[in-house]
Amino acid sequence: MNISTNQNQTAFSAKFINNKAFQEVVQYAKETNQLQELDTALNKLNNANTGDILLIHGTVPGGVYSNFNLGGRHAVQNLGAETPAKASFNGILELAELGRKFKKLFGREVKSNIKTDDIIKKYSV
């Protein structure tokens, strides 16, 4: 009898797809000394809902754009910044507030993935 494992795990939390746009946001946070704020926002999103978020940003003749796409089903934009990385950074912070943009992107209320055992393990010795 052969037992095999499937390495393609289903996403159990909201995470960003690691692409150039996401890496530019991390670099922007580093350059502006805001890595802690970004980490806090990403941690909050990671524990809020499930799904893979595709971040796409850039410039067009009309200005800067930043799009957050969840599995091709839902999308939100964040505008009004000088650079694409800053627009996306601000968008991540706004998504982490779990407000209007979050609900529009996920299409539902927050479903927390936090368990009591996780909190005890993470924050105690």
C-alpha atoms as a PDB file:
ATOM      1  CA  MET A   1       0.000   0.000   0.000  1.00  0.00           C
ATOM      2  CA  ASN A   2       1.445   3.363  -1.017  1.00  0.00           C
ATOM      3  CA  ILE A   3       0.593   6.427   0.989  1.00  0.00           C
ATOM      4  CA  SER A   4       1.221   9.761  -0.651  1.00  0.00           C
ATOM      5  CA  THR A   5       0.894  13.301   0.553  1.00  0.00           C
ATOM      6  CA  ASN A   6      -0.369  16.275  -1.364  1.00  0.00           C
ATOM      7  CA  GLN A   7       1.925  19.275  -0.991  1.00  0.00           C
ATOM      8  CA  ASN A   8      -0.653  21.675  -2.471  1.00  0.00           C
ATOM      9  CA  GLN A   9      -2.283  22.869   0.707  1.00  0.00           C
ATOM     10  CA  THR A  10      -5.456  24.931   0.603  1.00  0.00           C
ATOM     11  CA  ALA A  11      -4.986  28.459   1.891  1.00  0.00           C
ATOM     12  CA  PHE A  12      -6.229  28.726   5.444  1.00  0.00           C
ATOM     13  CA  SER A  13      -5.589  32.450   5.752  1.00  0.00           C
ATOM     14  CA  ALA A  14      -5.493  35.570   3.621  1.00  0.00           C
ATOM     15  CA  LYS A  15      -2.060  35.902   2.077  1.00  0.00           C
ATOM     16  CA  PHE A  16      -0.571  37.949  -0.722  1.00  0.00           C
ATOM     17  CA  ILE A  17       0.871  36.277  -3.774  1.00  0.00           C
ATOM     18  CA  ASN A  18       4.605  36.951  -3.786  1.00  0.00           C
ATOM     19  CA  ASN A  19       5.098  39.042  -6.916  1.00  0.00           C
ATOM     20  CA  LYS A  20       7.028  42.173  -7.895  1.00  0.00           C
ATOM     21  CA  ALA A  21       4.281  44.513  -6.666  1.00  0.00           C
ATOM     22  CA  PHE A  22       4.174  42.903  -3.210  1.00  0.00           C
ATOM     23  CA  GLN A  23       7.962  42.989  -2.962  1.00  0.00           C
ATOM     24  CA  GLU A  24       7.917  46.705  -3.864  1.00  0.00           C
ATOM     25  CA  VAL A  25       5.466  47.344  -1.009  1.00  0.00           C
ATOM     26  CA  VAL A  26       7.774  45.553   1.436  1.00  0.00           C
ATOM     27  CA  GLN A  27      10.729  47.575   0.120  1.00  0.00           C
ATOM     28  CA  TYR A  28       8.711  50.809   0.457  1.00  0.00           C
ATOM     29  CA  ALA A  29       7.887  49.914   4.072  1.00  0.00           C
ATOM     30  CA  LYS A  30      11.559  49.248   4.762  1.00  0.00           C
ATOM     31  CA  GLU A  31      12.697  52.524   3.180  1.00  0.00           C
ATOM     32  CA  THR A  32      10.099  54.537   5.131  1.00  0.00           C
ATOM     33  CA  ASN A  33      10.681  52.686   8.428  1.00  0.00           C
ATOM     34  CA  GLN A  34       7.158  51.248   8.436  1.00  0.00           C
ATOM     35  CA  LEU A  35       7.901  47.514   8.436  1.00  0.00           C
ATOM     36  CA  GLN A  36       6.202  47.105  11.827  1.00  0.00           C
ATOM     37  CA  GLU A  37       2.992  48.717  10.539  1.00  0.00           C
ATOM     38  CA  LEU A  38       3.035  46.503   7.446  1.00  0.00           C
ATOM     39  CA  ASP A  39       3.703  43.379   9.503  1.00  0.00           C
ATOM     40  CA  THR A  40       0.846  44.212  11.878  1.00  0.00           C
ATOM     41  CA  ALA A  41      -1.564  44.789   8.982  1.00  0.00           C
ATOM     42  CA  LEU A  42      -0.528  41.593   7.200  1.00  0.00           C
ATOM     43  CA  ASN A  43      -0.828  39.605  10.430  1.00  0.00           C
ATOM     44  CA  LYS A  44      -4.337  40.939  10.961  1.00  0.00           C
ATOM     45  CA  LEU A  45      -5.326  39.985   7.393  1.00  0.00           C
ATOM     46  CA  ASN A  46      -3.650  36.605   7.803  1.00  0.00           C
ATOM     47  CA  ASN A  47      -5.918  35.850  10.758  1.00  0.00           C
ATOM     48  CA  ALA A  48      -9.094  37.373   9.339  1.00  0.00           C
ATOM     49  CA  ASN A  49     -10.212  35.320   6.342  1.00  0.00           C
ATOM     50  CA  THR A  50      -9.012  32.859   3.735  1.00  0.00           C
ATOM     51  CA  GLY A  51      -7.815  33.506   0.213  1.00  0.00           C
ATOM     52  CA  ASP A  52      -4.894  34.485  -1.969  1.00  0.00           C
ATOM     53  CA  ILE A  53      -4.723  38.199  -2.782  1.00  0.00           C
ATOM     54  CA  LEU A  54      -3.092  39.277  -6.033  1.00  0.00           C
ATOM     55  CA  LEU A  55      -1.664  42.794  -5.854  1.00  0.00           C
ATOM     56  CA  ILE A  56      -1.129  44.677  -9.101  1.00  0.00           C
ATOM     57  CA  HIS A  57       0.012  48.286  -9.239  1.00  0.00           C
ATOM     58  CA  GLY A  58       1.642  50.753 -11.576  1.00  0.00           C
ATOM     59  CA  THR A  59       1.262  54.069 -13.356  1.00  0.00           C
ATOM     60  CA  VAL A  60      -0.901  55.073 -16.299  1.00  0.00           C
ATOM     61  CA  PRO A  61      -1.283  58.449 -17.996  1.00  0.00           C
ATOM     62  CA  GLY A  62      -4.090  59.234 -15.539  1.00  0.00           C
ATOM     63  CA  GLY A  63      -1.954  58.574 -12.449  1.00  0.00           C
ATOM     64  CA  VAL A  64      -1.124  55.759 -10.045  1.00  0.00           C
ATOM     65  CA  TYR A  65      -3.233  52.630  -9.619  1.00  0.00           C
ATOM     66  CA  SER A  66      -3.248  49.804  -7.100  1.00  0.00           C
ATOM     67  CA  ASN A  67      -5.572  46.795  -7.447  1.00  0.00           C
ATOM     68  CA  PHE A  68      -6.232  43.994  -4.979  1.00  0.00           C
ATOM     69  CA  ASN A  69      -7.809  40.897  -6.550  1.00  0.00           C
ATOM     70  CA  LEU A  70      -9.100  37.878  -4.656  1.00  0.00           C
ATOM     71  CA  GLY A  71      -9.188  34.806  -6.874  1.00  0.00           C
ATOM     72  CA  GLY A  72     -10.722  36.644  -9.818  1.00  0.00           C
ATOM     73  CA  ARG A  73     -14.020  36.990  -7.948  1.00  0.00           C
ATOM     74  CA  HIS A  74     -13.684  40.296  -6.142  1.00  0.00           C
ATOM     75  CA  ALA A  75     -11.421  43.312  -6.542  1.00  0.00           C
ATOM     76  CA  VAL A  76     -10.838  46.685  -4.894  1.00  0.00           C
ATOM     77  CA  GLN A  77      -8.679  49.645  -5.834  1.00  0.00           C
ATOM     78  CA  ASN A  78      -6.638  52.091  -3.855  1.00  0.00           C
ATOM     79  CA  LEU A  79      -5.790  55.436  -5.445  1.00  0.00           C
ATOM     80  CA  GLY A  80      -4.409  58.784  -4.375  1.00  0.00           C
ATOM     81  CA  ALA A  81      -0.710  58.271  -3.724  1.00  0.00           C
ATOM     82  CA  GLU A  82       2.498  59.518  -5.313  1.00  0.00           C
ATOM     83  CA  THR A  83       3.870  56.053  -6.109  1.00  0.00           C
ATOM     84  CA  PRO A  84       2.303  52.646  -6.792  1.00  0.00           C
ATOM     85  CA  ALA A  85       4.084  51.109  -3.785  1.00  0.00           C
ATOM     86  CA  LYS A  86       2.732  53.790  -1.453  1.00  0.00           C
ATOM     87  CA  ALA A  87      -0.796  53.363  -2.847  1.00  0.00           C
ATOM     88  CA  SER A  88      -0.592  49.606  -2.273  1.00  0.00           C
ATOM     89  CA  PHE A  89       0.918  50.042   1.203  1.00  0.00           C
ATOM     90  CA  ASN A  90      -1.927  52.376   2.169  1.00  0.00           C
ATOM     91  CA  GLY A  91      -4.405  49.910   0.666  1.00  0.00           C
ATOM     92  CA  ILE A  92      -3.042  47.058   2.781  1.00  0.00           C
ATOM     93  CA  LEU A  93      -3.356  49.185   5.915  1.00  0.00           C
ATOM     94  CA  GLU A  94      -6.952  50.022   4.973  1.00  0.00           C
ATOM     95  CA  LEU A  95      -7.799  46.377   4.256  1.00  0.00           C
ATOM     96  CA  ALA A  96      -6.450  45.473   7.704  1.00  0.00           C
ATOM     97  CA  GLU A  97      -9.047  47.763   9.283  1.00  0.00           C
ATOM     98  CA  LEU A  98     -11.544  45.053   8.227  1.00  0.00           C
ATOM     99  CA  GLY A  99     -13.985  47.710   7.056  1.00  0.00           C
ATOM    100  CA  ARG A 100     -15.683  48.542   3.770  1.00  0.00           C
ATOM    101  CA  LYS A 101     -12.788  47.632   1.450  1.00  0.00           C
ATOM    102  CA  PHE A 102     -12.206  44.353   3.250  1.00  0.00           C
ATOM    103  CA  LYS A 103     -15.882  43.385   2.976  1.00  0.00           C
ATOM    104  CA  LYS A 104     -15.943  44.360  -0.699  1.00  0.00           C
ATOM    105  CA  LEU A 105     -12.856  42.257  -1.439  1.00  0.00           C
ATOM    106  CA  PHE A 106     -13.887  39.183   0.552  1.00  0.00           C
ATOM    107  CA  GLY A 107     -17.610  39.556  -0.040  1.00  0.00           C
ATOM    108  CA  ARG A 108     -18.473  38.504   3.493  1.00  0.00           C
ATOM    109  CA  GLU A 109     -17.955  39.237   7.134  1.00  0.00           C
ATOM    110  CA  VAL A 110     -14.716  38.535   8.966  1.00  0.00           C
ATOM    111  CA  LYS A 111     -14.142  34.882   9.856  1.00  0.00           C
ATOM    112  CA  SER A 112     -11.360  34.734  12.388  1.00  0.00           C
ATOM    113  CA  ASN A 113      -8.852  31.891  12.145  1.00  0.00           C
ATOM    114  CA  ILE A 114      -7.428  32.570  15.614  1.00  0.00           C
ATOM    115  CA  LYS A 115      -7.638  29.776  18.151  1.00  0.00           C
ATOM    116  CA  THR A 116      -6.973  29.966  21.885  1.00  0.00           C
ATOM    117  CA  ASP A 117      -4.138  27.424  21.641  1.00  0.00           C
ATOM    118  CA  ASP A 118      -2.453  29.541  18.948  1.00  0.00           C
ATOM    119  CA  ILE A 119      -2.495  32.616  21.185  1.00  0.00           C
ATOM    120  CA  ILE A 120      -1.091  30.731  24.144  1.00  0.00           C
ATOM    121  CA  LYS A 121       1.666  29.152  22.035  1.00  0.00           C
ATOM    122  CA  LYS A 122       2.583  32.406  20.284  1.00  0.00           C
ATOM    123  CA  TYR A 123       2.606  34.786  23.249  1.00  0.00           C
ATOM    124  CA  SER A 124       3.722  32.727  26.223  1.00  0.00           C
ATOM    125  CA  VAL A 125       6.864  30.879  27.297  1.00  0.00           C
END
